[in-house]
Amino acid sequence: MAVLVLLVVLALVLGGCVCVVWAEFGGPPWVRAVAAVMRSVGTVLHHAQKSRRRSSNGDD
């Protein structure tokens, strides 16, 4: 069951990456919407990782 969940997550991530690349070359509106969501998620994860790194460095 866990393998199935991981495969679904992997498929969603790969599909999102394809949409980001496709949106760079134009693409239909739904592709641009998916690409915008993927970019937003990436930005949020990037900032969360930076803040987690900063807080763990301050605890030393």
C-alpha atoms as a PDB file:
ATOM      1  CA  MET A   1       0.000   0.000   0.000  1.00  0.00           C
ATOM      2  CA  ALA A   2       2.819   2.398   0.863  1.00  0.00           C
ATOM      3  CA  VAL A   3       4.470   1.660  -2.472  1.00  0.00           C
ATOM      4  CA  LEU A   4       1.263   2.574  -4.273  1.00  0.00           C
ATOM      5  CA  VAL A   5       1.053   5.892  -2.419  1.00  0.00           C
ATOM      6  CA  LEU A   6       4.680   6.666  -3.259  1.00  0.00           C
ATOM      7  CA  LEU A   7       4.087   5.829  -6.923  1.00  0.00           C
ATOM      8  CA  VAL A   8       1.086   8.159  -7.044  1.00  0.00           C
ATOM      9  CA  VAL A   9       3.092  10.970  -5.440  1.00  0.00           C
ATOM     10  CA  LEU A  10       5.943  10.360  -7.890  1.00  0.00           C
ATOM     11  CA  ALA A  11       3.529  10.443 -10.824  1.00  0.00           C
ATOM     12  CA  LEU A  12       2.041  13.740  -9.602  1.00  0.00           C
ATOM     13  CA  VAL A  13       5.487  15.305  -9.198  1.00  0.00           C
ATOM     14  CA  LEU A  14       6.638  14.161 -12.630  1.00  0.00           C
ATOM     15  CA  GLY A  15       3.390  15.374 -14.188  1.00  0.00           C
ATOM     16  CA  GLY A  16       3.868  18.749 -12.508  1.00  0.00           C
ATOM     17  CA  CYS A  17       7.403  19.019 -13.855  1.00  0.00           C
ATOM     18  CA  VAL A  18       6.168  18.217 -17.352  1.00  0.00           C
ATOM     19  CA  CYS A  19       3.525  20.933 -17.002  1.00  0.00           C
ATOM     20  CA  VAL A  20       6.135  23.486 -15.918  1.00  0.00           C
ATOM     21  CA  VAL A  21       8.270  22.739 -18.977  1.00  0.00           C
ATOM     22  CA  TRP A  22       5.241  22.689 -21.277  1.00  0.00           C
ATOM     23  CA  ALA A  23       4.028  26.018 -19.870  1.00  0.00           C
ATOM     24  CA  GLU A  24       7.387  27.587 -20.734  1.00  0.00           C
ATOM     25  CA  PHE A  25       6.663  26.829 -24.404  1.00  0.00           C
ATOM     26  CA  GLY A  26       3.088  28.076 -24.278  1.00  0.00           C
ATOM     27  CA  GLY A  27       0.603  25.330 -23.575  1.00  0.00           C
ATOM     28  CA  PRO A  28      -3.092  25.448 -22.779  1.00  0.00           C
ATOM     29  CA  PRO A  29      -4.406  27.416 -19.806  1.00  0.00           C
ATOM     30  CA  TRP A  30      -4.778  24.338 -17.562  1.00  0.00           C
ATOM     31  CA  VAL A  31      -1.084  23.559 -18.040  1.00  0.00           C
ATOM     32  CA  ARG A  32      -0.133  27.081 -17.008  1.00  0.00           C
ATOM     33  CA  ALA A  33      -2.380  26.776 -13.943  1.00  0.00           C
ATOM     34  CA  VAL A  34      -0.762  23.489 -12.883  1.00  0.00           C
ATOM     35  CA  ALA A  35       2.688  24.993 -13.484  1.00  0.00           C
ATOM     36  CA  ALA A  36       1.835  28.001 -11.315  1.00  0.00           C
ATOM     37  CA  VAL A  37       0.691  25.708  -8.501  1.00  0.00           C
ATOM     38  CA  MET A  38       3.856  23.613  -8.766  1.00  0.00           C
ATOM     39  CA  ARG A  39       6.050  26.722  -8.668  1.00  0.00           C
ATOM     40  CA  SER A  40       4.178  28.024  -5.631  1.00  0.00           C
ATOM     41  CA  VAL A  41       4.574  24.714  -3.811  1.00  0.00           C
ATOM     42  CA  GLY A  42       8.280  24.716  -4.653  1.00  0.00           C
ATOM     43  CA  THR A  43       8.686  28.232  -3.315  1.00  0.00           C
ATOM     44  CA  VAL A  44       6.871  27.410  -0.078  1.00  0.00           C
ATOM     45  CA  LEU A  45       8.975  24.278   0.446  1.00  0.00           C
ATOM     46  CA  HIS A  46      12.162  26.205  -0.287  1.00  0.00           C
ATOM     47  CA  HIS A  47      11.358  28.899   2.287  1.00  0.00           C
ATOM     48  CA  ALA A  48      10.305  26.294   4.857  1.00  0.00           C
ATOM     49  CA  GLN A  49      13.588  24.455   4.409  1.00  0.00           C
ATOM     50  CA  LYS A  50      15.573  27.695   4.773  1.00  0.00           C
ATOM     51  CA  SER A  51      13.789  28.645   7.988  1.00  0.00           C
ATOM     52  CA  ARG A  52      14.207  25.131   9.401  1.00  0.00           C
ATOM     53  CA  ARG A  53      17.923  25.269   8.625  1.00  0.00           C
ATOM     54  CA  ARG A  54      18.251  28.669  10.309  1.00  0.00           C
ATOM     55  CA  SER A  55      16.446  27.539  13.443  1.00  0.00           C
ATOM     56  CA  SER A  56      18.533  24.377  13.756  1.00  0.00           C
ATOM     57  CA  ASN A  57      21.762  26.369  13.376  1.00  0.00           C
ATOM     58  CA  GLY A  58      20.738  28.733  16.182  1.00  0.00           C
ATOM     59  CA  ASP A  59      20.275  25.902  18.689  1.00  0.00           C
ATOM     60  CA  ASP A  60      23.970  24.922  18.745  1.00  0.00           C
END
